[in-house]
């Protein structure tokens, strides 16, 4: 959300988003603000939320998210996340160049923001269909034929799926079984004295 919000503030030909730039900035800005406020207020909201059975999971999530993002490894974790996003923008830019779409890096970043944002809508698998519709609409406002925009979006989806295969292999090989605990000796019953 933070990367997308900052990218939409950059000067680019695509940031007009067909006249919906302000609405998209709100869609990215409100959850970003809510997330930051939630992280900062996590220590205060954990105690009341942990009292009720149905909100304990949310309290545990708040504590864990704060520990991950604001803990000692937080800068490294956020840096890796931003690096992955930067590499995805490079993939979009490279794919555009390979297909003859001379996209500046700022336009590739805006396309990244739109494609990832649409993929987060939970009504399709990995954004397929929605992403294509968004890319056709966005690039169509800039004179790119719908067929070329569709091909671009489908190729990006395929590249994303192929790039995810090593993670899928690691997921299949990784054992989710908890580590065995050290056996603790059971207390012996008291021996009768006679």
Protein backbone atom coordinates (compact mmCIF):
# COMPACT_ATOMS: atom_id res chain seq x y z
CA UNK A 1 0.00 0.00 0.00
CA UNK A 2 2.81 2.41 0.87
CA UNK A 3 4.67 1.73 -2.37
CA UNK A 4 1.49 2.09 -4.41
CA UNK A 5 0.53 5.33 -2.70
CA UNK A 6 3.96 6.87 -3.34
CA UNK A 7 4.01 5.65 -6.95
CA UNK A 8 0.64 7.29 -7.63
CA UNK A 9 2.09 10.60 -6.48
CA UNK A 10 4.88 10.42 -9.10
CA UNK A 11 4.57 12.40 -12.31
CA UNK A 12 3.54 9.98 -15.05
CA UNK A 13 1.28 9.94 -18.05
CA UNK A 14 -0.67 7.04 -16.56
CA UNK A 15 -1.23 8.54 -13.10
CA UNK A 16 -4.36 10.31 -14.32
CA UNK A 17 -5.93 6.82 -14.27
CA UNK A 18 -8.69 7.84 -16.62
CA UNK A 19 -9.84 10.60 -14.29
CA UNK A 20 -10.01 8.36 -11.22
CA UNK A 21 -6.66 9.33 -9.68
CA UNK A 22 -8.16 10.95 -6.58
CA UNK A 23 -10.40 7.96 -5.91
CA UNK A 24 -7.51 5.52 -6.32
CA UNK A 25 -5.34 7.62 -3.99
CA UNK A 26 -8.11 7.40 -1.38
CA UNK A 27 -8.41 3.62 -1.92
CA UNK A 28 -4.69 3.25 -1.25
CA UNK A 29 -4.39 5.97 1.40
CA UNK A 30 -7.19 4.93 3.76
CA UNK A 31 -5.95 1.35 4.34
CA UNK A 32 -2.39 2.62 4.59
CA UNK A 33 -3.38 5.12 7.28
CA UNK A 34 -5.47 2.51 9.08
CA UNK A 35 -2.57 0.06 9.01
CA UNK A 36 -0.08 2.59 10.38
CA UNK A 37 -2.47 3.67 13.12
CA UNK A 38 -3.19 0.02 13.93
CA UNK A 39 0.51 -0.78 14.25
CA UNK A 40 1.12 2.22 16.48
CA UNK A 41 -1.89 1.54 18.70
CA UNK A 42 -1.41 -2.24 18.89
CA UNK A 43 -0.13 -2.26 22.50
CA UNK A 44 -3.30 -0.45 23.66
CA UNK A 45 -5.83 -2.51 21.73
CA UNK A 46 -4.39 -5.95 22.47
CA UNK A 47 -5.64 -6.20 26.05
CA UNK A 48 -9.31 -5.41 25.30
CA UNK A 49 -9.31 -7.59 22.17
CA UNK A 50 -7.74 -10.58 23.89
CA UNK A 51 -10.61 -10.75 26.42
CA UNK A 52 -13.14 -11.96 23.85
CA UNK A 53 -12.89 -15.32 22.20
CA UNK A 54 -13.75 -14.08 18.70
CA UNK A 55 -11.21 -11.24 18.66
CA UNK A 56 -8.23 -13.04 20.19
CA UNK A 57 -6.91 -13.90 16.74
CA UNK A 58 -6.93 -10.20 15.84
CA UNK A 59 -5.03 -9.33 19.02
CA UNK A 60 -2.42 -11.99 18.22
CA UNK A 61 -2.18 -10.67 14.64
CA UNK A 62 -1.67 -7.10 15.88
CA UNK A 63 1.12 -8.13 18.24
CA UNK A 64 2.84 -10.27 15.60
CA UNK A 65 2.54 -7.64 12.84
CA UNK A 66 3.97 -4.97 15.13
CA UNK A 67 6.81 -7.29 16.12
CA UNK A 68 7.64 -8.07 12.50
CA UNK A 69 7.40 -4.55 11.06
CA UNK A 70 8.62 -2.47 13.99
CA UNK A 71 10.96 -5.02 15.57
CA UNK A 72 14.73 -5.26 15.12
CA UNK A 73 14.41 -7.01 11.74
CA UNK A 74 11.68 -4.65 10.48
CA UNK A 75 13.91 -2.49 8.26
CA UNK A 76 15.36 -5.58 6.58
CA UNK A 77 11.89 -7.11 6.05
CA UNK A 78 10.50 -3.87 4.62
CA UNK A 79 13.61 -3.45 2.45
CA UNK A 80 13.18 -6.93 0.98
CA UNK A 81 9.51 -6.20 0.32
CA UNK A 82 10.31 -2.96 -1.50
CA UNK A 83 13.08 -4.72 -3.44
CA UNK A 84 10.61 -7.36 -4.64
CA UNK A 85 8.24 -4.60 -5.75
CA UNK A 86 11.07 -2.78 -7.54
CA UNK A 87 12.02 -5.98 -9.36
CA UNK A 88 8.38 -6.48 -10.37
CA UNK A 89 8.36 -2.96 -11.82
CA UNK A 90 11.52 -3.84 -13.78
CA UNK A 91 9.76 -6.97 -15.08
CA UNK A 92 6.79 -4.86 -16.22
CA UNK A 93 9.09 -2.34 -17.88
CA UNK A 94 11.10 -5.12 -19.59
CA UNK A 95 7.97 -6.90 -20.77
CA UNK A 96 6.64 -3.66 -22.19
CA UNK A 97 9.90 -3.05 -24.05
CA UNK A 98 9.89 -6.62 -25.38
CA UNK A 99 6.38 -6.12 -26.77
CA UNK A 100 7.16 -2.74 -28.30
CA UNK A 101 5.38 -0.68 -25.64
CA UNK A 102 7.86 2.06 -24.85
CA UNK A 103 6.81 2.56 -21.24
CA UNK A 104 8.86 4.90 -19.09
CA UNK A 105 9.77 3.47 -15.68
CA UNK A 106 7.21 5.74 -13.98
CA UNK A 107 4.45 4.35 -16.23
CA UNK A 108 5.60 0.79 -15.47
CA UNK A 109 5.38 1.65 -11.77
CA UNK A 110 1.82 2.93 -12.19
CA UNK A 111 0.89 -0.24 -14.09
CA UNK A 112 2.41 -2.26 -11.25
CA UNK A 113 0.30 -0.37 -8.72
CA UNK A 114 -2.90 -0.90 -10.68
CA UNK A 115 -2.23 -4.58 -11.43
CA UNK A 116 -1.28 -5.46 -7.87
CA UNK A 117 -4.15 -3.43 -6.43
CA UNK A 118 -6.69 -5.16 -8.68
CA UNK A 119 -5.18 -8.57 -7.85
CA UNK A 120 -5.96 -7.93 -4.17
CA UNK A 121 -9.70 -7.85 -4.87
CA UNK A 122 -10.83 -11.30 -3.71
CA UNK A 123 -13.19 -12.23 -6.52
CA UNK A 124 -10.79 -14.01 -8.88
CA UNK A 125 -7.74 -16.23 -8.63
CA UNK A 126 -4.61 -14.07 -8.49
CA UNK A 127 -6.45 -11.23 -10.20
CA UNK A 128 -6.88 -13.02 -13.53
CA UNK A 129 -9.55 -11.28 -15.56
CA UNK A 130 -9.71 -8.21 -13.36
CA UNK A 131 -6.08 -7.40 -14.07
CA UNK A 132 -6.65 -7.74 -17.81
CA UNK A 133 -9.68 -5.47 -17.65
CA UNK A 134 -7.76 -2.84 -15.69
CA UNK A 135 -4.74 -2.94 -18.01
CA UNK A 136 -6.90 -2.74 -21.15
CA UNK A 137 -8.78 0.20 -19.68
CA UNK A 138 -5.67 2.03 -18.45
CA UNK A 139 -3.59 1.53 -21.58
CA UNK A 140 -6.59 2.12 -23.84
CA UNK A 141 -6.78 5.71 -22.56
CA UNK A 142 -3.26 6.16 -23.91
CA UNK A 143 -3.84 4.86 -27.42
CA UNK A 144 -2.73 1.25 -27.01
CA UNK A 145 -4.94 -1.27 -28.77
CA UNK A 146 -6.94 -3.61 -26.50
CA UNK A 147 -5.32 -6.68 -28.10
CA UNK A 148 -1.82 -5.46 -27.23
CA UNK A 149 -2.86 -4.52 -23.71
CA UNK A 150 -4.49 -7.93 -23.21
CA UNK A 151 -1.38 -9.72 -24.48
CA UNK A 152 0.76 -7.61 -22.15
CA UNK A 153 -1.38 -8.44 -19.12
CA UNK A 154 -1.61 -12.16 -19.89
CA UNK A 155 2.17 -12.35 -20.41
CA UNK A 156 2.72 -10.58 -17.09
CA UNK A 157 0.41 -13.07 -15.37
CA UNK A 158 2.30 -15.98 -16.91
CA UNK A 159 5.66 -14.51 -15.90
CA UNK A 160 4.34 -14.03 -12.38
CA UNK A 161 3.14 -17.64 -12.25
CA UNK A 162 6.46 -18.97 -13.57
CA UNK A 163 8.38 -16.78 -11.13
CA UNK A 164 6.33 -18.22 -8.27
CA UNK A 165 7.19 -21.84 -9.07
CA UNK A 166 10.34 -21.96 -6.89
CA UNK A 167 8.24 -20.81 -3.95
CA UNK A 168 5.67 -23.50 -4.70
CA UNK A 169 8.39 -26.17 -4.73
CA UNK A 170 9.76 -24.88 -1.41
CA UNK A 171 6.23 -24.91 0.02
CA UNK A 172 5.73 -28.53 -1.05
CA UNK A 173 9.06 -29.63 0.45
CA UNK A 174 8.81 -27.64 3.68
CA UNK A 175 7.40 -29.52 6.63
CA UNK A 176 4.71 -27.70 8.58
CA UNK A 177 4.85 -30.13 11.48
CA UNK A 178 5.90 -28.41 14.70
CA UNK A 179 9.31 -29.25 16.06
CA UNK A 180 9.21 -32.05 18.60
CA UNK A 181 9.29 -30.84 22.17
CA UNK A 182 11.80 -32.16 24.59
CA UNK A 183 10.23 -34.91 26.63
CA UNK A 184 9.64 -33.85 30.20
CA UNK A 185 9.72 -36.59 32.78
CA UNK A 186 6.40 -37.34 34.38
CA UNK A 187 6.23 -36.96 38.16
CA UNK A 188 6.52 -40.26 39.97
CA UNK A 189 3.75 -41.25 42.28
CA UNK A 190 4.67 -41.24 45.94
CA UNK A 191 5.76 -44.67 47.10
CA UNK A 192 3.90 -46.10 50.04
CA UNK A 193 6.03 -46.38 53.10
CA UNK A 194 5.61 -49.51 55.14
